[in-house]
């Protein structure tokens, strides 16, 4: 494979070693998404060093304990170097490091709402490990409340009274999702109802709304 200059930032550059000097851990139980890691290395560069055991105590020189798939992806895209931090541990400690590095990733979770907001704010998904379909699924799984509790209105409804309609919501297109107010929801409902009454379908409703906004903008510019 043709060698490709490694995308290693200046702060990690002093840690770079020839990639051919390293070997993967001999019993790594983890399987990784090499295409996603390779894309991240290409777009983001190597933002953290992999961990390599010198092997004085194991007899296996330069064996990777954490970052085996980063190493494999870097090889796949033709890097000739990779940034490394070194340890020198025995077999038991090496196995523990390999296992805990994988396990802590398994145990981690997400705040799905916050993750959806972060992904929606990024101009494109390159180097994130997400594609449009996975972001759409994430946004679909982000639940919205079906009811909202109301404070007492003095008419005997009580603090536990609820309404079965949303007083707020979201607009979504591609990976963008923006919150809209109750007034905006009401306005959209009114426009939608009129559109369906006139066309007997909601097909083309989005284009209808966009055209009205565009025409209003054009009218404001010419006024």
Protein backbone atom coordinates (compact mmCIF):
# COMPACT_ATOMS: atom_id res chain seq x y z
CA UNK A 1 0.00 0.00 0.00
CA UNK A 2 1.22 3.49 -0.81
CA UNK A 3 2.32 5.43 2.27
CA UNK A 4 0.09 8.35 3.29
CA UNK A 5 1.31 11.17 5.56
CA UNK A 6 -0.16 10.60 9.00
CA UNK A 7 -2.62 13.25 10.20
CA UNK A 8 -1.06 13.76 13.64
CA UNK A 9 -1.34 17.18 15.36
CA UNK A 10 1.79 18.98 16.47
CA UNK A 11 1.24 18.27 20.17
CA UNK A 12 1.22 14.51 19.52
CA UNK A 13 3.92 14.56 16.85
CA UNK A 14 6.79 13.89 19.35
CA UNK A 15 5.02 10.61 20.26
CA UNK A 16 4.92 9.32 16.67
CA UNK A 17 6.65 6.02 15.86
CA UNK A 18 6.81 3.95 12.65
CA UNK A 19 3.55 2.06 12.38
CA UNK A 20 5.37 -1.04 11.15
CA UNK A 21 7.16 -1.37 14.49
CA UNK A 22 3.94 -2.20 16.34
CA UNK A 23 1.87 -5.37 16.69
CA UNK A 24 -1.76 -5.81 17.69
CA UNK A 25 -2.71 -7.40 21.00
CA UNK A 26 -2.59 -11.15 20.56
CA UNK A 27 -6.04 -11.81 22.13
CA UNK A 28 -8.15 -8.73 21.47
CA UNK A 29 -11.84 -9.70 21.90
CA UNK A 30 -13.15 -6.45 20.42
CA UNK A 31 -14.35 -5.94 16.84
CA UNK A 32 -14.41 -2.34 15.64
CA UNK A 33 -15.89 -0.32 12.78
CA UNK A 34 -12.72 0.24 10.74
CA UNK A 35 -14.34 2.39 8.01
CA UNK A 36 -15.76 4.79 10.64
CA UNK A 37 -12.42 4.99 12.45
CA UNK A 38 -10.56 5.52 9.18
CA UNK A 39 -12.94 8.35 8.27
CA UNK A 40 -12.37 9.95 11.67
CA UNK A 41 -8.58 9.70 11.29
CA UNK A 42 -8.84 11.32 7.87
CA UNK A 43 -11.17 14.13 8.93
CA UNK A 44 -10.16 14.73 12.55
CA UNK A 45 -6.63 13.38 12.66
CA UNK A 46 -5.30 11.30 15.56
CA UNK A 47 -6.61 13.22 18.57
CA UNK A 48 -5.29 10.77 21.21
CA UNK A 49 -2.34 8.43 21.35
CA UNK A 50 -2.72 4.66 21.38
CA UNK A 51 -1.27 2.70 24.31
CA UNK A 52 1.54 0.24 23.61
CA UNK A 53 3.24 -2.23 25.93
CA UNK A 54 7.03 -2.37 25.60
CA UNK A 55 6.88 -6.09 26.34
CA UNK A 56 9.85 -6.45 28.67
CA UNK A 57 7.69 -8.53 31.04
CA UNK A 58 5.53 -10.35 28.46
CA UNK A 59 8.07 -11.20 25.77
CA UNK A 60 5.85 -9.60 23.13
CA UNK A 61 7.52 -6.37 22.04
CA UNK A 62 5.55 -3.24 21.09
CA UNK A 63 2.12 -4.80 21.59
CA UNK A 64 -0.90 -2.48 21.40
CA UNK A 65 -3.19 -2.58 24.44
CA UNK A 66 -5.57 0.31 23.72
CA UNK A 67 -6.13 1.50 20.17
CA UNK A 68 -5.88 -1.72 18.18
CA UNK A 69 -8.57 -0.62 15.75
CA UNK A 70 -7.13 2.89 15.44
CA UNK A 71 -3.85 1.22 14.46
CA UNK A 72 -5.61 -1.08 11.97
CA UNK A 73 -7.55 1.80 10.41
CA UNK A 74 -4.38 3.90 10.14
CA UNK A 75 -2.67 1.00 8.37
CA UNK A 76 -5.68 0.65 6.08
CA UNK A 77 -5.43 4.25 4.89
CA UNK A 78 -1.69 4.03 4.47
CA UNK A 79 -0.28 5.92 7.44
CA UNK A 80 3.41 5.37 8.04
CA UNK A 81 3.41 6.67 11.65
CA UNK A 82 1.12 6.77 14.66
CA UNK A 83 1.34 8.52 18.06
CA UNK A 84 1.99 6.21 21.01
CA UNK A 85 2.20 6.34 24.78
CA UNK A 86 4.19 3.53 26.38
CA UNK A 87 3.69 1.23 29.35
CA UNK A 88 5.70 -1.80 30.44
CA UNK A 89 3.43 -4.26 32.23
CA UNK A 90 3.10 -8.01 32.74
CA UNK A 91 0.52 -10.30 31.15
CA UNK A 92 -2.13 -9.81 33.85
CA UNK A 93 -1.92 -6.01 33.75
CA UNK A 94 -1.89 -6.01 29.95
CA UNK A 95 -5.06 -8.11 29.85
CA UNK A 96 -6.76 -5.83 32.37
CA UNK A 97 -5.94 -2.74 30.32
CA UNK A 98 -7.31 -4.33 27.13
CA UNK A 99 -10.52 -5.46 28.86
CA UNK A 100 -11.24 -2.23 30.75
CA UNK A 101 -10.56 -0.07 27.68
CA UNK A 102 -13.29 -1.98 25.86
CA UNK A 103 -15.62 -2.32 28.82
CA UNK A 104 -15.73 1.35 29.79
CA UNK A 105 -16.94 2.12 26.25
CA UNK A 106 -19.66 -0.53 26.64
CA UNK A 107 -20.85 0.95 29.93
CA UNK A 108 -21.05 4.52 28.66
CA UNK A 109 -24.41 5.99 27.66
CA UNK A 110 -25.80 9.09 25.97
CA UNK A 111 -28.06 12.00 26.72
CA UNK A 112 -29.95 11.44 23.47
CA UNK A 113 -31.51 14.91 23.40
CA UNK A 114 -28.15 16.63 23.87
CA UNK A 115 -26.46 14.33 21.34
CA UNK A 116 -29.18 15.13 18.79
CA UNK A 117 -28.68 18.85 19.40
CA UNK A 118 -24.88 18.57 18.98
CA UNK A 119 -25.19 16.59 15.75
CA UNK A 120 -27.76 19.05 14.44
CA UNK A 121 -25.36 21.95 15.10
CA UNK A 122 -22.47 20.37 13.16
CA UNK A 123 -22.35 21.59 9.53
CA UNK A 124 -21.83 18.04 8.18
CA UNK A 125 -21.49 14.54 9.63
CA UNK A 126 -18.05 13.70 8.22
CA UNK A 127 -15.79 12.22 10.88
CA UNK A 128 -18.55 11.82 13.49
CA UNK A 129 -19.28 8.13 12.96
CA UNK A 130 -22.91 9.05 12.18
CA UNK A 131 -24.68 9.16 8.84
CA UNK A 132 -27.95 10.83 7.92
CA UNK A 133 -30.01 7.70 8.54
CA UNK A 134 -28.61 7.12 12.04
CA UNK A 135 -29.19 10.78 12.97
CA UNK A 136 -32.76 10.57 11.71
CA UNK A 137 -33.33 7.49 13.87
CA UNK A 138 -31.84 9.28 16.86
CA UNK A 139 -34.10 12.28 16.32
CA UNK A 140 -37.12 10.03 15.88
CA UNK A 141 -36.31 8.30 19.17
CA UNK A 142 -36.04 11.61 21.04
CA UNK A 143 -39.41 11.65 22.73
CA UNK A 144 -41.62 14.68 23.08
CA UNK A 145 -44.11 15.04 25.95
CA UNK A 146 -47.67 14.06 25.08
CA UNK A 147 -49.20 16.17 27.82
CA UNK A 148 -48.23 19.27 29.75
CA UNK A 149 -49.29 19.97 33.31
CA UNK A 150 -51.10 23.25 33.94
CA UNK A 151 -51.23 25.33 37.06
CA UNK A 152 -54.67 26.08 38.45
CA UNK A 153 -56.62 28.61 36.38
CA UNK A 154 -59.07 29.38 39.17
CA UNK A 155 -61.85 27.49 37.42
CA UNK A 156 -61.54 24.28 39.38
CA UNK A 157 -59.25 22.49 36.97
CA UNK A 158 -56.54 22.01 39.61
CA UNK A 159 -52.78 21.82 39.30
CA UNK A 160 -52.89 18.30 37.84
CA UNK A 161 -55.00 19.26 34.83
CA UNK A 162 -53.44 18.34 31.50
CA UNK A 163 -54.01 19.09 27.85
CA UNK A 164 -53.84 16.53 25.08
CA UNK A 165 -52.17 18.83 22.55
CA UNK A 166 -48.64 20.17 22.37
CA UNK A 167 -48.04 23.78 23.35
CA UNK A 168 -44.61 23.59 21.74
CA UNK A 169 -42.79 21.36 19.30
CA UNK A 170 -40.02 20.99 16.75
CA UNK A 171 -39.39 21.55 13.09
CA UNK A 172 -36.98 19.05 11.53
CA UNK A 173 -35.26 18.76 8.16
CA UNK A 174 -32.31 16.47 7.49
CA UNK A 175 -30.25 16.61 10.72
CA UNK A 176 -31.55 20.05 11.73
CA UNK A 177 -34.12 20.24 14.49
CA UNK A 178 -35.27 23.55 15.95
CA UNK A 179 -37.72 24.23 18.75
CA UNK A 180 -40.79 26.31 17.96
CA UNK A 181 -43.10 28.19 20.29
CA UNK A 182 -46.77 27.54 21.05
CA UNK A 183 -47.73 30.54 18.89
CA UNK A 184 -45.76 29.14 15.97
CA UNK A 185 -47.36 25.71 16.45
CA UNK A 186 -50.80 27.33 16.40
CA UNK A 187 -49.97 29.27 13.23
CA UNK A 188 -48.68 26.14 11.50
CA UNK A 189 -51.77 24.18 12.53
CA UNK A 190 -53.97 26.89 11.04
CA UNK A 191 -52.02 26.94 7.76
CA UNK A 192 -51.98 23.12 7.62
CA UNK A 193 -55.74 22.82 8.22
CA UNK A 194 -56.52 25.35 5.49
CA UNK A 195 -54.11 23.64 3.07
CA UNK A 196 -55.66 20.19 3.64
CA UNK A 197 -59.19 21.58 3.32
CA UNK A 198 -58.29 23.15 -0.03
CA UNK A 199 -56.28 20.25 -1.49
CA UNK A 200 -57.77 17.18 0.27
CA UNK A 201 -54.17 16.10 0.95
CA UNK A 202 -51.12 17.19 2.90
CA UNK A 203 -48.79 16.35 0.00
CA UNK A 204 -46.70 19.40 -0.79
CA UNK A 205 -47.49 21.20 2.46
CA UNK A 206 -43.82 21.87 3.20
CA UNK A 207 -43.30 23.44 -0.21
CA UNK A 208 -46.47 25.48 0.27
CA UNK A 209 -45.12 26.94 3.54
CA UNK A 210 -41.70 27.62 2.05
CA UNK A 211 -43.20 29.37 -0.98
CA UNK A 212 -45.28 31.65 1.24
CA UNK A 213 -42.18 32.54 3.29
CA UNK A 214 -40.18 33.19 0.11
CA UNK A 215 -42.91 35.33 -1.40
CA UNK A 216 -43.23 37.33 1.82
CA UNK A 217 -39.46 37.88 1.87
CA UNK A 218 -39.45 38.98 -1.74
CA UNK A 219 -42.36 41.31 -1.09
CA UNK A 220 -40.52 42.90 1.84
CA UNK A 221 -37.43 43.49 -0.30
CA UNK A 222 -39.40 45.23 -3.04
CA UNK A 223 -41.62 47.31 -0.74
